[in-house]
C-alpha atoms as a PDB file:
ATOM      1  CA  MET A   1      42.393  14.029 -21.482  1.00  0.00           C
ATOM      2  CA  LYS A   2      41.691  13.322 -25.214  1.00  0.00           C
ATOM      3  CA  LYS A   3      45.286  12.304 -25.545  1.00  0.00           C
ATOM      4  CA  PHE A   4      45.120  10.038 -22.390  1.00  0.00           C
ATOM      5  CA  ASN A   5      41.866   8.365 -23.656  1.00  0.00           C
ATOM      6  CA  PHE A   6      43.594   7.789 -27.069  1.00  0.00           C
ATOM      7  CA  LEU A   7      46.597   6.136 -25.440  1.00  0.00           C
ATOM      8  CA  LEU A   8      44.530   4.112 -23.089  1.00  0.00           C
ATOM      9  CA  VAL A   9      42.488   2.660 -25.926  1.00  0.00           C
ATOM     10  CA  LEU A  10      45.497   2.015 -28.030  1.00  0.00           C
ATOM     11  CA  PHE A  11      47.077   0.167 -25.248  1.00  0.00           C
ATOM     12  CA  MET A  12      44.066  -1.887 -24.551  1.00  0.00           C
ATOM     13  CA  SER A  13      43.550  -2.710 -28.267  1.00  0.00           C
ATOM     14  CA  MET A  14      47.279  -3.907 -28.296  1.00  0.00           C
ATOM     15  CA  ILE A  15      46.573  -6.127 -25.438  1.00  0.00           C
ATOM     16  CA  PHE A  16      43.461  -7.576 -26.947  1.00  0.00           C
ATOM     17  CA  SER A  17      44.569  -7.640 -30.574  1.00  0.00           C
ATOM     18  CA  VAL A  18      45.786 -11.378 -30.506  1.00  0.00           C
ATOM     19  CA  PHE A  19      42.965 -12.486 -28.140  1.00  0.00           C
ATOM     20  CA  ILE A  20      40.324 -10.896 -30.285  1.00  0.00           C
ATOM     21  CA  SER A  21      41.854 -12.083 -33.631  1.00  0.00           C
ATOM     22  CA  CYS A  22      41.543 -15.682 -32.409  1.00  0.00           C
ATOM     23  CA  GLU A  23      38.287 -15.073 -30.879  1.00  0.00           C
ATOM     24  CA  LYS A  24      36.966 -13.608 -34.194  1.00  0.00           C
ATOM     25  CA  ASP A  25      38.190 -16.636 -36.232  1.00  0.00           C
ATOM     26  CA  SER A  26      36.661 -18.988 -33.653  1.00  0.00           C
ATOM     27  CA  LEU A  27      33.208 -17.194 -33.474  1.00  0.00           C
ATOM     28  CA  GLN A  28      33.113 -16.971 -37.299  1.00  0.00           C
ATOM     29  CA  HIS A  29      33.901 -20.692 -37.591  1.00  0.00           C
ATOM     30  CA  ASP A  30      31.380 -21.794 -35.135  1.00  0.00           C
ATOM     31  CA  ALA A  31      28.747 -19.478 -36.639  1.00  0.00           C
ATOM     32  CA  ASN A  32      29.519 -20.866 -40.153  1.00  0.00           C
ATOM     33  CA  ALA A  33      29.356 -24.513 -38.884  1.00  0.00           C
ATOM     34  CA  ASN A  34      26.241 -24.077 -37.074  1.00  0.00           C
ATOM     35  CA  LEU A  35      24.575 -22.330 -40.095  1.00  0.00           C
ATOM     36  CA  GLN A  36      25.713 -25.007 -42.455  1.00  0.00           C
ATOM     37  CA  GLU A  37      24.427 -27.847 -40.259  1.00  0.00           C
ATOM     38  CA  ASP A  38      21.170 -26.113 -39.813  1.00  0.00           C
ATOM     39  CA  ILE A  39      20.739 -25.707 -43.707  1.00  0.00           C
ATOM     40  CA  LEU A  40      21.664 -29.325 -44.216  1.00  0.00           C
ATOM     41  CA  LYS A  41      19.125 -30.543 -41.667  1.00  0.00           C
ATOM     42  CA  LYS A  42      16.332 -28.361 -43.014  1.00  0.00           C
ATOM     43  CA  GLY A  43      16.959 -28.202 -46.744  1.00  0.00           C
ATOM     44  CA  SER A  44      15.681 -24.724 -46.815  1.00  0.00           C
ATOM     45  CA  ARG A  45      15.331 -22.436 -43.818  1.00  0.00           C
ATOM     46  CA  GLN A  46      11.704 -22.386 -42.472  1.00  0.00           C
ATOM     47  CA  GLY A  47      12.344 -20.156 -39.402  1.00  0.00           C
ATOM     48  CA  CYS A  48      13.186 -20.900 -35.880  1.00  0.00           C
ATOM     49  CA  SER A  49      11.050 -23.661 -34.292  1.00  0.00           C
ATOM     50  CA  ILE A  50       8.229 -22.562 -31.939  1.00  0.00           C
ATOM     51  CA  GLU A  51       7.802 -26.179 -30.625  1.00  0.00           C
ATOM     52  CA  GLY A  52       7.439 -26.085 -26.947  1.00  0.00           C
ATOM     53  CA  ILE A  53       6.784 -22.454 -26.739  1.00  0.00           C
ATOM     54  CA  SER A  54       3.487 -21.342 -25.424  1.00  0.00           C
ATOM     55  CA  ARG A  55       1.731 -18.148 -24.110  1.00  0.00           C
ATOM     56  CA  MET A  56       0.669 -17.138 -20.711  1.00  0.00           C
ATOM     57  CA  GLY A  57      -1.146 -13.850 -21.171  1.00  0.00           C
ATOM     58  CA  ASP A  58       1.120 -11.427 -22.820  1.00  0.00           C
ATOM     59  CA  LYS A  59       4.177 -13.438 -22.036  1.00  0.00           C
ATOM     60  CA  LEU A  60       5.932 -16.248 -23.953  1.00  0.00           C
ATOM     61  CA  VAL A  61       6.568 -19.495 -21.850  1.00  0.00           C
ATOM     62  CA  PHE A  62       9.838 -21.527 -22.385  1.00  0.00           C
ATOM     63  CA  LYS A  63      10.588 -24.907 -20.876  1.00  0.00           C
ATOM     64  CA  ASP A  64      13.933 -23.893 -19.255  1.00  0.00           C
ATOM     65  CA  MET A  65      16.778 -21.649 -19.839  1.00  0.00           C
ATOM     66  CA  GLU A  66      18.400 -23.911 -22.269  1.00  0.00           C
ATOM     67  CA  HIS A  67      15.254 -23.876 -24.425  1.00  0.00           C
ATOM     68  CA  PHE A  68      15.063 -20.060 -24.083  1.00  0.00           C
ATOM     69  CA  VAL A  69      18.772 -19.495 -25.059  1.00  0.00           C
ATOM     70  CA  ALA A  70      18.617 -21.917 -27.977  1.00  0.00           C
ATOM     71  CA  THR A  71      15.674 -19.973 -29.400  1.00  0.00           C
ATOM     72  CA  LEU A  72      17.479 -16.696 -28.901  1.00  0.00           C
ATOM     73  CA  GLU A  73      20.632 -17.994 -30.630  1.00  0.00           C
ATOM     74  CA  CYS A  74      18.590 -19.424 -33.458  1.00  0.00           C
ATOM     75  CA  LEU A  75      16.868 -16.097 -34.083  1.00  0.00           C
ATOM     76  CA  GLU A  76      20.305 -14.460 -34.043  1.00  0.00           C
ATOM     77  CA  LEU A  77      21.557 -16.826 -36.797  1.00  0.00           C
ATOM     78  CA  GLU A  78      18.386 -16.427 -38.780  1.00  0.00           C
ATOM     79  CA  LEU A  79      18.665 -12.657 -38.817  1.00  0.00           C
ATOM     80  CA  GLU A  80      22.285 -12.728 -39.595  1.00  0.00           C
ATOM     81  CA  GLU A  81      21.842 -15.079 -42.652  1.00  0.00           C
ATOM     82  CA  HIS A  82      18.898 -12.936 -43.833  1.00  0.00           C
ATOM     83  CA  ASN A  83      20.935  -9.754 -43.845  1.00  0.00           C
ATOM     84  CA  GLN A  84      24.092 -11.384 -45.079  1.00  0.00           C
ATOM     85  CA  ASN A  85      22.340 -13.083 -48.139  1.00  0.00           C
ATOM     86  CA  PHE A  86      21.077  -9.644 -49.205  1.00  0.00           C
ATOM     87  CA  GLU A  87      24.484  -8.061 -48.664  1.00  0.00           C
ATOM     88  CA  ASN A  88      26.172 -10.960 -50.706  1.00  0.00           C
ATOM     89  CA  GLN A  89      23.869 -10.508 -53.536  1.00  0.00           C
ATOM     90  CA  TYR A  90      24.031  -6.618 -53.997  1.00  0.00           C
ATOM     91  CA  ALA A  91      27.596  -5.864 -52.687  1.00  0.00           C
ATOM     92  CA  HIS A  92      28.590  -4.331 -56.124  1.00  0.00           C
ATOM     93  CA  LEU A  93      26.162  -1.472 -55.562  1.00  0.00           C
ATOM     94  CA  SER A  94      27.266   1.910 -53.898  1.00  0.00           C
ATOM     95  CA  ASP A  95      25.817   2.693 -50.522  1.00  0.00           C
ATOM     96  CA  ASP A  96      23.255   4.987 -52.158  1.00  0.00           C
ATOM     97  CA  GLU A  97      22.311   2.465 -54.646  1.00  0.00           C
ATOM     98  CA  TYR A  98      22.216  -0.210 -52.098  1.00  0.00           C
ATOM     99  CA  ASN A  99      19.906   1.665 -49.775  1.00  0.00           C
ATOM    100  CA  ALA A 100      17.641   2.860 -52.563  1.00  0.00           C
ATOM    101  CA  PHE A 101      17.360  -0.637 -53.984  1.00  0.00           C
ATOM    102  CA  ALA A 102      16.579  -2.095 -50.496  1.00  0.00           C
ATOM    103  CA  GLU A 103      13.924   0.562 -49.999  1.00  0.00           C
ATOM    104  CA  ASN A 104      12.334   0.116 -53.369  1.00  0.00           C
ATOM    105  CA  ILE A 105      11.796  -3.665 -53.110  1.00  0.00           C
ATOM    106  CA  GLY A 106      10.746  -3.303 -49.488  1.00  0.00           C
ATOM    107  CA  PHE A 107      13.541  -5.341 -48.048  1.00  0.00           C
ATOM    108  CA  ASN A 108      12.958  -5.817 -44.228  1.00  0.00           C
ATOM    109  CA  ASP A 109      15.944  -6.053 -42.048  1.00  0.00           C
ATOM    110  CA  PHE A 110      13.840  -7.622 -39.244  1.00  0.00           C
ATOM    111  CA  LEU A 111      11.694 -10.130 -41.326  1.00  0.00           C
ATOM    112  CA  PRO A 112      12.845 -13.242 -39.483  1.00  0.00           C
ATOM    113  CA  LEU A 113      11.835 -11.666 -36.208  1.00  0.00           C
ATOM    114  CA  GLU A 114       8.514 -10.366 -37.401  1.00  0.00           C
ATOM    115  CA  GLU A 115       7.656 -13.855 -38.853  1.00  0.00           C
ATOM    116  CA  PHE A 116       8.679 -15.632 -35.570  1.00  0.00           C
ATOM    117  CA  GLU A 117       6.182 -13.076 -33.540  1.00  0.00           C
ATOM    118  CA  GLN A 118       3.449 -13.744 -36.117  1.00  0.00           C
ATOM    119  CA  SER A 119       3.656 -17.471 -35.872  1.00  0.00           C
ATOM    120  CA  LEU A 120       2.989 -17.164 -32.148  1.00  0.00           C
ATOM    121  CA  ASN A 121       0.461 -14.228 -32.497  1.00  0.00           C
ATOM    122  CA  PHE A 122       2.789 -12.419 -30.015  1.00  0.00           C
ATOM    123  CA  SER A 123       3.080  -8.644 -29.394  1.00  0.00           C
ATOM    124  CA  SER A 124       6.839  -8.264 -28.477  1.00  0.00           C
ATOM    125  CA  ARG A 125       9.060  -5.614 -26.814  1.00  0.00           C
ATOM    126  CA  ARG A 126      10.747  -5.368 -30.224  1.00  0.00           C
ATOM    127  CA  GLU A 127       7.561  -4.412 -32.157  1.00  0.00           C
ATOM    128  CA  PHE A 128       6.669  -1.913 -29.255  1.00  0.00           C
ATOM    129  CA  ILE A 129      10.039  -0.317 -29.443  1.00  0.00           C
ATOM    130  CA  GLU A 130      10.358  -0.454 -33.341  1.00  0.00           C
ATOM    131  CA  GLU A 131       7.043   1.646 -33.602  1.00  0.00           C
ATOM    132  CA  LYS A 132       8.480   4.274 -31.377  1.00  0.00           C
ATOM    133  CA  ILE A 133      11.671   4.431 -33.221  1.00  0.00           C
ATOM    134  CA  GLN A 134       9.904   4.902 -36.517  1.00  0.00           C
ATOM    135  CA  ALA A 135       7.867   7.702 -34.897  1.00  0.00           C
ATOM    136  CA  TRP A 136      11.148   9.315 -33.626  1.00  0.00           C
ATOM    137  CA  LEU A 137      12.821   9.010 -37.041  1.00  0.00           C
ATOM    138  CA  ASP A 138       9.967  10.827 -38.767  1.00  0.00           C
ATOM    139  CA  THR A 139      10.835  14.014 -36.981  1.00  0.00           C
ATOM    140  CA  ASP A 140      13.167  16.670 -38.478  1.00  0.00           C
ATOM    141  CA  ASN A 141      14.894  17.800 -35.210  1.00  0.00           C
ATOM    142  CA  LEU A 142      15.668  14.487 -33.559  1.00  0.00           C
ATOM    143  CA  ASP A 143      15.886  14.376 -29.824  1.00  0.00           C
ATOM    144  CA  LEU A 144      19.190  12.471 -29.720  1.00  0.00           C
ATOM    145  CA  GLU A 145      19.106  11.983 -25.872  1.00  0.00           C
ATOM    146  CA  ASN A 146      15.710  10.144 -26.048  1.00  0.00           C
ATOM    147  CA  ASP A 147      16.300   7.566 -28.974  1.00  0.00           C
ATOM    148  CA  PRO A 148      13.673   4.935 -28.123  1.00  0.00           C
ATOM    149  CA  ASP A 149      16.262   2.313 -28.938  1.00  0.00           C
ATOM    150  CA  ASP A 150      17.867   3.327 -25.474  1.00  0.00           C
ATOM    151  CA  LEU A 151      14.597   2.222 -23.552  1.00  0.00           C
ATOM    152  CA  ASP A 152      16.700  -0.864 -22.757  1.00  0.00           C
ATOM    153  CA  ASP A 153      20.008  -2.308 -23.637  1.00  0.00           C
ATOM    154  CA  PHE A 154      18.525  -5.537 -25.214  1.00  0.00           C
ATOM    155  CA  SER A 155      19.322  -6.797 -28.709  1.00  0.00           C
ATOM    156  CA  VAL A 156      16.316  -7.024 -31.176  1.00  0.00           C
ATOM    157  CA  GLU A 157      16.401 -10.732 -31.049  1.00  0.00           C
ATOM    158  CA  LEU A 158      16.075 -10.638 -27.200  1.00  0.00           C
ATOM    159  CA  ARG A 159      13.240  -8.112 -27.432  1.00  0.00           C
ATOM    160  CA  THR A 160      11.579 -10.473 -29.740  1.00  0.00           C
ATOM    161  CA  LEU A 161      11.077 -12.964 -26.922  1.00  0.00           C
ATOM    162  CA  LEU A 162      10.100 -10.451 -24.294  1.00  0.00           C
ATOM    163  CA  SER A 163       6.626  -8.953 -23.545  1.00  0.00           C
ATOM    164  CA  VAL A 164       6.247  -5.267 -23.931  1.00  0.00           C
ATOM    165  CA  LYS A 165       7.036  -4.973 -20.200  1.00  0.00           C
ATOM    166  CA  GLY A 166      10.259  -7.036 -20.648  1.00  0.00           C
ATOM    167  CA  GLU A 167       8.854 -10.209 -19.174  1.00  0.00           C
ATOM    168  CA  VAL A 168       9.272 -13.901 -20.178  1.00  0.00           C
ATOM    169  CA  VAL A 169       8.370 -17.225 -18.299  1.00  0.00           C
ATOM    170  CA  ILE A 170      11.299 -19.661 -18.110  1.00  0.00           C
ATOM    171  CA  GLY A 171      10.989 -22.922 -16.315  1.00  0.00           C
ATOM    172  CA  GLY A 172       7.820 -21.886 -14.643  1.00  0.00           C
ATOM    173  CA  LYS A 173       9.363 -18.680 -13.239  1.00  0.00           C
ATOM    174  CA  THR A 174       8.381 -15.189 -14.564  1.00  0.00           C
ATOM    175  CA  ILE A 175      11.608 -13.048 -15.240  1.00  0.00           C
ATOM    176  CA  ASN A 176      11.510  -9.373 -15.937  1.00  0.00           C
ATOM    177  CA  PHE A 177      14.810  -8.492 -17.524  1.00  0.00           C
ATOM    178  CA  LEU A 178      14.215  -4.876 -16.881  1.00  0.00           C
ATOM    179  CA  SER A 179      13.960  -5.062 -13.122  1.00  0.00           C
ATOM    180  CA  GLU A 180      16.968  -7.424 -12.815  1.00  0.00           C
ATOM    181  CA  ILE A 181      19.408  -4.559 -13.475  1.00  0.00           C
ATOM    182  CA  ASP A 182      21.534  -3.394 -10.407  1.00  0.00           C
ATOM    183  CA  ASP A 183      23.408  -0.052 -10.780  1.00  0.00           C
ATOM    184  CA  THR A 184      25.099  -0.333  -7.397  1.00  0.00           C
ATOM    185  CA  LYS A 185      28.583   0.905  -7.226  1.00  0.00           C
ATOM    186  CA  THR A 186      31.209  -0.236  -4.727  1.00  0.00           C
ATOM    187  CA  ASP A 187      34.829   0.261  -4.398  1.00  0.00           C
ATOM    188  CA  ASN A 188      34.996   1.582  -7.890  1.00  0.00           C
ATOM    189  CA  CYS A 189      33.313  -1.636  -9.124  1.00  0.00           C
ATOM    190  CA  ARG A 190      29.799  -1.988 -10.502  1.00  0.00           C
ATOM    191  CA  LEU A 191      27.392  -4.474 -11.950  1.00  0.00           C
ATOM    192  CA  TYR A 192      26.120  -2.276 -14.752  1.00  0.00           C
ATOM    193  CA  LYS A 193      27.249   0.693 -16.728  1.00  0.00           C
ATOM    194  CA  LYS A 194      26.471   2.205 -20.224  1.00  0.00           C
ATOM    195  CA  ASP A 195      27.466   5.061 -22.415  1.00  0.00           C
ATOM    196  CA  LYS A 196      26.702   6.546 -25.870  1.00  0.00           C
ATOM    197  CA  ASN A 197      27.358   9.337 -28.059  1.00  0.00           C
ATOM    198  CA  TRP A 198      26.394  10.456 -31.588  1.00  0.00           C
ATOM    199  CA  THR A 199      28.605  11.744 -34.384  1.00  0.00           C
ATOM    200  CA  ASN A 200      27.676  13.726 -37.408  1.00  0.00           C
ATOM    201  CA  PHE A 201      29.233  13.252 -40.904  1.00  0.00           C
ATOM    202  CA  ASP A 202      28.681  13.826 -44.528  1.00  0.00           C
ATOM    203  CA  ASN A 203      27.967  17.490 -44.025  1.00  0.00           C
ATOM    204  CA  ASN A 204      25.612  16.565 -41.146  1.00  0.00           C
ATOM    205  CA  ARG A 205      23.198  14.645 -43.475  1.00  0.00           C
ATOM    206  CA  LYS A 206      24.218  11.440 -41.652  1.00  0.00           C
ATOM    207  CA  LYS A 207      24.787  10.459 -37.973  1.00  0.00           C
ATOM    208  CA  PHE A 208      26.108   7.372 -36.328  1.00  0.00           C
ATOM    209  CA  LYS A 209      25.735   6.414 -32.619  1.00  0.00           C
ATOM    210  CA  LEU A 210      28.100   4.237 -30.655  1.00  0.00           C
ATOM    211  CA  LYS A 211      26.804   2.621 -27.630  1.00  0.00           C
ATOM    212  CA  VAL A 212      28.670   0.437 -25.114  1.00  0.00           C
ATOM    213  CA  VAL A 213      27.162  -1.642 -22.235  1.00  0.00           C
ATOM    214  CA  ALA A 214      28.620  -3.803 -19.575  1.00  0.00           C
ATOM    215  CA  VAL A 215      26.002  -5.473 -17.454  1.00  0.00           C
ATOM    216  CA  SER A 216      25.955  -8.534 -14.912  1.00  0.00           C
ATOM    217  CA  LEU A 217      22.671 -10.014 -14.225  1.00  0.00           C
ATOM    218  CA  PRO A 218      21.742 -13.060 -12.303  1.00  0.00           C
ATOM    219  CA  MET A 219      21.054 -14.901 -15.552  1.00  0.00           C
ATOM    220  CA  LYS A 220      23.742 -13.447 -17.896  1.00  0.00           C
ATOM    221  CA  ILE A 221      26.799 -11.386 -17.981  1.00  0.00           C
ATOM    222  CA  LYS A 222      27.238  -9.164 -21.110  1.00  0.00           C
ATOM    223  CA  GLN A 223      29.678  -6.758 -22.713  1.00  0.00           C
ATOM    224  CA  LYS A 224      28.329  -5.140 -25.865  1.00  0.00           C
ATOM    225  CA  ALA A 225      29.276  -2.491 -28.280  1.00  0.00           C
ATOM    226  CA  LYS A 226      26.715  -1.418 -30.935  1.00  0.00           C
ATOM    227  CA  VAL A 227      26.930   1.133 -33.741  1.00  0.00           C
ATOM    228  CA  LYS A 228      23.888   2.331 -35.821  1.00  0.00           C
ATOM    229  CA  VAL A 229      23.710   4.831 -38.798  1.00  0.00           C
ATOM    230  CA  ILE A 230      20.843   7.053 -39.845  1.00  0.00           C
ATOM    231  CA  LYS A 231      20.404   9.513 -42.911  1.00  0.00           C
ATOM    232  CA  GLN A 232      18.324  12.566 -43.334  1.00  0.00           C
ATOM    233  CA  ARG A 233      15.505  11.969 -45.893  1.00  0.00           C
ATOM    234  CA  ASN A 234      14.946  14.217 -48.804  1.00  0.00           C
ATOM    235  CA  GLY A 235      11.537  14.894 -47.459  1.00  0.00           C
ATOM    236  CA  ARG A 236      10.739  14.910 -43.748  1.00  0.00           C
ATOM    237  CA  GLY A 237      12.612  13.012 -41.124  1.00  0.00           C
ATOM    238  CA  TRP A 238      15.309  10.439 -40.978  1.00  0.00           C
ATOM    239  CA  LYS A 239      15.879   6.838 -41.887  1.00  0.00           C
ATOM    240  CA  ARG A 240      18.278   3.930 -41.304  1.00  0.00           C
ATOM    241  CA  TYR A 241      21.244   3.948 -43.679  1.00  0.00           C
ATOM    242  CA  ARG A 242      23.314   0.872 -44.492  1.00  0.00           C
ATOM    243  CA  THR A 243      26.942   1.340 -45.014  1.00  0.00           C
ATOM    244  CA  ASN A 244      30.064  -0.745 -44.145  1.00  0.00           C
ATOM    245  CA  LEU A 245      30.517  -1.001 -40.378  1.00  0.00           C
ATOM    246  CA  PHE A 246      33.042  -2.529 -37.955  1.00  0.00           C
ATOM    247  CA  VAL A 247      32.517  -2.806 -34.312  1.00  0.00           C
ATOM    248  CA  GLN A 248      34.582  -4.084 -31.320  1.00  0.00           C
ATOM    249  CA  VAL A 249      34.092  -4.458 -27.538  1.00  0.00           C
ATOM    250  CA  GLY A 250      36.939  -5.370 -25.218  1.00  0.00           C
ATOM    251  CA  GLY A 251      38.255  -5.032 -21.583  1.00  0.00           C
ATOM    252  CA  PHE A 252      38.288  -6.949 -18.307  1.00  0.00           C
ATOM    253  CA  VAL A 253      35.569  -8.764 -16.352  1.00  0.00           C
ATOM    254  CA  ARG A 254      36.189  -9.192 -12.784  1.00  0.00           C
ATOM    255  CA  ASP A 255      34.741 -11.517 -10.036  1.00  0.00           C
ATOM    256  CA  PHE A 256      32.036 -10.345  -7.540  1.00  0.00           C
ATOM    257  CA  ASP A 257      34.730  -9.017  -5.229  1.00  0.00           C
ATOM    258  CA  CYS A 258      36.231  -6.937  -7.993  1.00  0.00           C
ATOM    259  CA  ASN A 259      39.291  -9.147  -8.270  1.00  0.00           C
ATOM    260  CA  PHE A 260      40.987 -11.400 -10.884  1.00  0.00           C
ATOM    261  CA  PRO A 261      40.539  -9.418 -14.061  1.00  0.00           C
ATOM    262  CA  LEU A 262      39.810 -11.819 -17.104  1.00  0.00           C
ATOM    263  CA  ALA A 263      40.338 -10.371 -20.559  1.00  0.00           C
ATOM    264  CA  THR A 264      37.095 -10.444 -22.775  1.00  0.00           C
ATOM    265  CA  GLY A 265      36.031  -9.225 -26.162  1.00  0.00           C
ATOM    266  CA  ALA A 266      34.525  -9.561 -29.425  1.00  0.00           C
ATOM    267  CA  VAL A 267      34.394  -8.125 -32.858  1.00  0.00           C
ATOM    268  CA  LYS A 268      31.960  -7.835 -35.687  1.00  0.00           C
ATOM    269  CA  GLY A 269      32.309  -6.844 -39.292  1.00  0.00           C
ATOM    270  CA  VAL A 270      33.115  -5.379 -41.760  1.00  0.00           C
ATOM    271  CA  HIS A 271      29.373  -5.710 -42.844  1.00  0.00           C
ATOM    272  CA  ARG A 272      27.165  -3.307 -44.743  1.00  0.00           C
ATOM    273  CA  ARG A 273      24.361  -2.671 -42.239  1.00  0.00           C
ATOM    274  CA  ALA A 274      22.337   0.121 -40.728  1.00  0.00           C
ATOM    275  CA  GLU A 275      23.409  -1.347 -37.417  1.00  0.00           C
ATOM    276  CA  LEU A 276      25.943  -3.763 -36.096  1.00  0.00           C
ATOM    277  CA  LYS A 277      26.779  -5.006 -32.620  1.00  0.00           C
ATOM    278  CA  ALA A 278      29.690  -7.028 -31.166  1.00  0.00           C
ATOM    279  CA  LYS A 279      28.945  -8.817 -27.936  1.00  0.00           C
ATOM    280  CA  ARG A 280      30.341 -11.305 -25.420  1.00  0.00           C
ATOM    281  CA  VAL A 281      27.610 -13.020 -23.356  1.00  0.00           C
ATOM    282  CA  ASN A 282      27.665 -15.782 -20.645  1.00  0.00           C
ATOM    283  CA  TRP A 283      24.407 -17.219 -20.033  1.00  0.00           C
ATOM    284  CA  ASP A 284      23.400 -18.681 -16.556  1.00  0.00           C
ATOM    285  CA  PRO A 285      26.877 -17.864 -14.915  1.00  0.00           C
ATOM    286  CA  PRO A 286      27.575 -19.530 -11.599  1.00  0.00           C
ATOM    287  CA  THR A 287      28.129 -16.026  -9.996  1.00  0.00           C
ATOM    288  CA  ARG A 288      27.844 -12.518 -11.048  1.00  0.00           C
ATOM    289  CA  ALA A 289      30.713 -10.337 -12.350  1.00  0.00           C
ATOM    290  CA  LYS A 290      31.661  -6.894 -11.826  1.00  0.00           C
ATOM    291  CA  TYR A 291      33.414  -4.166 -13.854  1.00  0.00           C
ATOM    292  CA  LYS A 292      35.925  -1.614 -12.798  1.00  0.00           C
ATOM    293  CA  SER A 293      36.088   2.009 -14.083  1.00  0.00           C
ATOM    294  CA  ARG A 294      38.042   2.417 -17.531  1.00  0.00           C
ATOM    295  CA  GLU A 295      38.358  -1.374 -18.111  1.00  0.00           C
ATOM    296  CA  ILE A 296      35.653  -1.860 -20.688  1.00  0.00           C
ATOM    297  CA  PHE A 297      35.765  -0.069 -24.045  1.00  0.00           C
ATOM    298  CA  GLY A 298      33.962  -0.110 -27.331  1.00  0.00           C
ATOM    299  CA  PHE A 299      35.225   0.922 -30.754  1.00  0.00           C
ATOM    300  CA  CYS A 300      33.452   1.334 -34.260  1.00  0.00           C
ATOM    301  CA  ASP A 301      34.793   2.236 -37.681  1.00  0.00           C
ATOM    302  CA  LEU A 302      33.030   3.415 -40.829  1.00  0.00           C
ATOM    303  CA  PRO A 303      35.930   2.584 -43.214  1.00  0.00           C
ATOM    304  CA  ASP A 304      34.257   4.049 -46.345  1.00  0.00           C
ATOM    305  CA  TYR A 305      34.122   7.483 -44.669  1.00  0.00           C
ATOM    306  CA  GLY A 306      37.302   7.305 -42.606  1.00  0.00           C
ATOM    307  CA  ILE A 307      35.681   7.971 -39.409  1.00  0.00           C
ATOM    308  CA  SER A 308      35.583   6.045 -36.219  1.00  0.00           C
ATOM    309  CA  ASN A 309      34.767   6.502 -32.529  1.00  0.00           C
ATOM    310  CA  THR A 310      35.762   5.084 -29.023  1.00  0.00           C
ATOM    311  CA  ILE A 311      34.008   4.868 -25.745  1.00  0.00           C
ATOM    312  CA  VAL A 312      35.726   3.967 -22.441  1.00  0.00           C
ATOM    313  CA  LEU A 313      33.269   3.168 -19.631  1.00  0.00           C
ATOM    314  CA  SER A 314      34.139   5.278 -16.596  1.00  0.00           C
ATOM    315  CA  TRP A 315      32.529   6.582 -13.450  1.00  0.00           C
END
């Protein structure tokens, strides 16, 4: 079975290699162009605009889906620039030196998101889950099956825009992202599937988790692979650990009748981060998509340690 899984992933990787290489160059070019244009317009970045965003109780309110997605994408760029700038400045340090330096100066990986929340005096789902993650990391014997990061499959940027209960108001309509998930399986196809596993390394003092998600919601279709790394503290508990990471998601997306497979995929890295995700998202699709068993895979690589992992979603 392991041999079969390896051959399957190798075959799929070969199919997507040309597609993903072009996609990677295109995504990187677009991100760089957008980032440079934003810097030129602002002179110096002052954070994503909160103009037009209001509050209704514990929820944020956006004018329409375009306004919501634009804010989300701005936060993604803001967070990427924040971490990439730090990475560029201190790339000469070893992993241990890099992590120690970040800890000593109090570098906050999520600072742009926290500042955005504070500017709106907003208690987000990101903040709610982050508090649970920190409490979970502060234990010696981690319950790996109950990582609070798995309370949902959202990015930290999306969580920043959602209430603790996963709600947001868009165009006058309250949407609960948590309740939109449909796990129905028909004819070997489904709208949602995820899988994860943990791997120990460096004499069990470090762990990394690969998580792969394929989901089709009324407002978006997404395939994502995410890798995150933690290290045992010298004292009690664990902490996030930054090292060079590469992550990839690929496979096929089908129409609602489970026909007409379309190749999809994305890559991210190599970046020195504590977590890294590669995703392919289509917002406000004309129709929902479906996924077939064994047609979506995620792959991660920790090149400095010579280890990697692959998950093929199946049911």
